């Protein structure tokens, strides 16, 4: 992955997480709902995913739980709302990547959002 692809992927992932946090009923009490906070969350989530996904048989499940734990920790939400934030972020990232594909910018992924 080229550096520009990584940066764009992080911005897509961070933007998707920011939208997911907003839709997931997260209420900004401490200024942590901005794009910068979401980008750091995406980077941390990608790191946790990379560290856990390699485990045989249960790696994907461990990685998903670890990623949800990052979202839960970075935003003051419980496990259910963290899952809502994740589901919305995934949907937003898929739509954004599909839109980019339609305009001829393909081959990207949303860094920090699993399954994209």
C-alpha atoms as a PDB file:
ATOM      1  CA  UNK A   1       0.000   0.000   0.000  1.00  0.00           C
ATOM      2  CA  UNK A   2       1.419   3.336  -1.061  1.00  0.00           C
ATOM      3  CA  UNK A   3       1.623   6.117   1.540  1.00  0.00           C
ATOM      4  CA  UNK A   4      -1.087   8.182  -0.154  1.00  0.00           C
ATOM      5  CA  UNK A   5      -3.408   5.158  -0.208  1.00  0.00           C
ATOM      6  CA  UNK A   6      -2.771   4.651   3.499  1.00  0.00           C
ATOM      7  CA  UNK A   7      -3.526   8.294   4.318  1.00  0.00           C
ATOM      8  CA  UNK A   8      -6.716   8.259   2.249  1.00  0.00           C
ATOM      9  CA  UNK A   9      -7.714   4.938   3.832  1.00  0.00           C
ATOM     10  CA  UNK A  10      -7.189   6.337   7.325  1.00  0.00           C
ATOM     11  CA  UNK A  11      -9.257   9.407   6.475  1.00  0.00           C
ATOM     12  CA  UNK A  12     -12.062   7.236   5.098  1.00  0.00           C
ATOM     13  CA  UNK A  13     -11.942   4.973   8.155  1.00  0.00           C
ATOM     14  CA  UNK A  14     -11.797   7.924  10.533  1.00  0.00           C
ATOM     15  CA  UNK A  15     -14.647   9.683   8.766  1.00  0.00           C
ATOM     16  CA  UNK A  16     -16.746   6.528   8.868  1.00  0.00           C
ATOM     17  CA  UNK A  17     -16.045   6.132  12.596  1.00  0.00           C
ATOM     18  CA  UNK A  18     -16.935   9.781  13.207  1.00  0.00           C
ATOM     19  CA  UNK A  19     -20.290   9.261  11.491  1.00  0.00           C
ATOM     20  CA  UNK A  20     -20.775   5.981  13.345  1.00  0.00           C
ATOM     21  CA  UNK A  21     -20.089   7.671  16.677  1.00  0.00           C
ATOM     22  CA  UNK A  22     -22.565  10.427  15.877  1.00  0.00           C
ATOM     23  CA  UNK A  23     -25.308   8.047  14.743  1.00  0.00           C
ATOM     24  CA  UNK A  24     -24.589   5.593  17.566  1.00  0.00           C
ATOM     25  CA  UNK A  25     -26.056   8.117  20.014  1.00  0.00           C
ATOM     26  CA  UNK A  26     -22.689   9.208  21.312  1.00  0.00           C
ATOM     27  CA  UNK A  27     -22.958  12.537  23.065  1.00  0.00           C
ATOM     28  CA  UNK A  28     -19.825  14.674  22.964  1.00  0.00           C
ATOM     29  CA  UNK A  29     -18.985  15.607  26.532  1.00  0.00           C
ATOM     30  CA  UNK A  30     -15.265  16.046  26.220  1.00  0.00           C
ATOM     31  CA  UNK A  31     -14.628  17.153  22.639  1.00  0.00           C
ATOM     32  CA  UNK A  32     -13.781  13.637  21.489  1.00  0.00           C
ATOM     33  CA  UNK A  33     -16.226  13.376  18.606  1.00  0.00           C
ATOM     34  CA  UNK A  34     -14.132  15.244  16.047  1.00  0.00           C
ATOM     35  CA  UNK A  35     -12.443  13.753  13.007  1.00  0.00           C
ATOM     36  CA  UNK A  36      -9.004  13.767  14.652  1.00  0.00           C
ATOM     37  CA  UNK A  37     -10.265  11.631  17.526  1.00  0.00           C
ATOM     38  CA  UNK A  38     -11.915   9.258  15.043  1.00  0.00           C
ATOM     39  CA  UNK A  39      -8.726   8.963  12.971  1.00  0.00           C
ATOM     40  CA  UNK A  40      -6.712   8.016  16.071  1.00  0.00           C
ATOM     41  CA  UNK A  41      -9.434   5.492  16.958  1.00  0.00           C
ATOM     42  CA  UNK A  42      -9.192   4.041  13.437  1.00  0.00           C
ATOM     43  CA  UNK A  43      -5.405   3.712  13.724  1.00  0.00           C
ATOM     44  CA  UNK A  44      -5.632   2.061  17.147  1.00  0.00           C
ATOM     45  CA  UNK A  45      -8.363  -0.259  15.916  1.00  0.00           C
ATOM     46  CA  UNK A  46      -6.273  -1.258  12.897  1.00  0.00           C
ATOM     47  CA  UNK A  47      -3.303  -1.956  15.160  1.00  0.00           C
ATOM     48  CA  UNK A  48      -5.367  -4.144  17.507  1.00  0.00           C
ATOM     49  CA  UNK A  49      -6.833  -5.963  14.509  1.00  0.00           C
ATOM     50  CA  UNK A  50      -3.365  -6.637  13.106  1.00  0.00           C
ATOM     51  CA  UNK A  51      -2.113  -7.946  16.450  1.00  0.00           C
ATOM     52  CA  UNK A  52      -5.026 -10.351  17.016  1.00  0.00           C
ATOM     53  CA  UNK A  53      -6.231 -11.482  13.581  1.00  0.00           C
ATOM     54  CA  UNK A  54      -3.357 -13.920  13.004  1.00  0.00           C
ATOM     55  CA  UNK A  55      -4.423 -16.251  15.866  1.00  0.00           C
ATOM     56  CA  UNK A  56      -5.489 -19.590  14.340  1.00  0.00           C
ATOM     57  CA  UNK A  57      -9.201 -20.488  14.384  1.00  0.00           C
ATOM     58  CA  UNK A  58     -10.389 -17.627  16.615  1.00  0.00           C
ATOM     59  CA  UNK A  59      -8.288 -14.744  15.352  1.00  0.00           C
ATOM     60  CA  UNK A  60     -11.075 -12.955  13.523  1.00  0.00           C
ATOM     61  CA  UNK A  61     -13.377 -13.139  16.543  1.00  0.00           C
ATOM     62  CA  UNK A  62     -10.609 -11.947  18.885  1.00  0.00           C
ATOM     63  CA  UNK A  63      -9.726  -9.139  16.494  1.00  0.00           C
ATOM     64  CA  UNK A  64     -13.359  -8.022  16.256  1.00  0.00           C
ATOM     65  CA  UNK A  65     -13.746  -8.030  20.038  1.00  0.00           C
ATOM     66  CA  UNK A  66     -10.470  -6.140  20.384  1.00  0.00           C
ATOM     67  CA  UNK A  67     -11.594  -3.581  17.810  1.00  0.00           C
ATOM     68  CA  UNK A  68     -14.917  -3.137  19.627  1.00  0.00           C
ATOM     69  CA  UNK A  69     -12.995  -2.699  22.888  1.00  0.00           C
ATOM     70  CA  UNK A  70     -11.005   0.129  21.282  1.00  0.00           C
ATOM     71  CA  UNK A  71     -14.230   1.833  20.149  1.00  0.00           C
ATOM     72  CA  UNK A  72     -15.774   1.286  23.588  1.00  0.00           C
ATOM     73  CA  UNK A  73     -12.725   2.767  25.297  1.00  0.00           C
ATOM     74  CA  UNK A  74     -12.277   5.750  22.975  1.00  0.00           C
ATOM     75  CA  UNK A  75     -15.949   6.743  23.153  1.00  0.00           C
ATOM     76  CA  UNK A  76     -17.871   6.525  26.451  1.00  0.00           C
ATOM     77  CA  UNK A  77     -20.308   3.863  25.270  1.00  0.00           C
ATOM     78  CA  UNK A  78     -21.147   0.308  26.291  1.00  0.00           C
ATOM     79  CA  UNK A  79     -20.659  -2.826  24.231  1.00  0.00           C
ATOM     80  CA  UNK A  80     -23.998  -2.538  22.428  1.00  0.00           C
ATOM     81  CA  UNK A  81     -23.447   1.065  21.378  1.00  0.00           C
ATOM     82  CA  UNK A  82     -19.868   0.235  20.381  1.00  0.00           C
ATOM     83  CA  UNK A  83     -21.338  -2.426  18.079  1.00  0.00           C
ATOM     84  CA  UNK A  84     -23.799   0.144  16.667  1.00  0.00           C
ATOM     85  CA  UNK A  85     -20.937   2.580  16.072  1.00  0.00           C
ATOM     86  CA  UNK A  86     -19.015  -0.207  14.333  1.00  0.00           C
ATOM     87  CA  UNK A  87     -21.941  -1.289  12.161  1.00  0.00           C
ATOM     88  CA  UNK A  88     -22.682   2.269  11.059  1.00  0.00           C
ATOM     89  CA  UNK A  89     -18.986   2.949  10.424  1.00  0.00           C
ATOM     90  CA  UNK A  90     -18.771  -0.205   8.306  1.00  0.00           C
ATOM     91  CA  UNK A  91     -21.843   0.801   6.260  1.00  0.00           C
ATOM     92  CA  UNK A  92     -20.552   4.350   5.737  1.00  0.00           C
ATOM     93  CA  UNK A  93     -17.120   3.069   4.699  1.00  0.00           C
ATOM     94  CA  UNK A  94     -18.620   0.608   2.211  1.00  0.00           C
ATOM     95  CA  UNK A  95     -20.749   3.360   0.639  1.00  0.00           C
ATOM     96  CA  UNK A  96     -17.787   5.772   0.507  1.00  0.00           C
ATOM     97  CA  UNK A  97     -15.523   3.172  -1.091  1.00  0.00           C
ATOM     98  CA  UNK A  98     -18.238   2.241  -3.615  1.00  0.00           C
ATOM     99  CA  UNK A  99     -18.695   5.916  -4.498  1.00  0.00           C
ATOM    100  CA  UNK A 100     -14.950   6.298  -5.017  1.00  0.00           C
ATOM    101  CA  UNK A 101     -14.974   3.200  -7.200  1.00  0.00           C
ATOM    102  CA  UNK A 102     -17.734   4.729  -9.335  1.00  0.00           C
ATOM    103  CA  UNK A 103     -15.614   7.801 -10.040  1.00  0.00           C
ATOM    104  CA  UNK A 104     -12.601   5.688 -10.947  1.00  0.00           C
ATOM    105  CA  UNK A 105     -10.685   5.644  -7.670  1.00  0.00           C
ATOM    106  CA  UNK A 106     -10.535   1.970  -6.756  1.00  0.00           C
ATOM    107  CA  UNK A 107      -8.363  -0.343  -4.749  1.00  0.00           C
ATOM    108  CA  UNK A 108      -8.700   1.559  -1.491  1.00  0.00           C
ATOM    109  CA  UNK A 109      -9.745   0.263   1.915  1.00  0.00           C
ATOM    110  CA  UNK A 110     -10.991   2.033   5.013  1.00  0.00           C
ATOM    111  CA  UNK A 111      -8.146   1.616   7.484  1.00  0.00           C
ATOM    112  CA  UNK A 112      -9.468   0.921  10.959  1.00  0.00           C
ATOM    113  CA  UNK A 113     -12.889  -0.348   9.882  1.00  0.00           C
ATOM    114  CA  UNK A 114     -13.002  -4.147   9.710  1.00  0.00           C
ATOM    115  CA  UNK A 115     -14.346  -5.788   6.581  1.00  0.00           C
ATOM    116  CA  UNK A 116     -13.835  -2.911   4.182  1.00  0.00           C
END
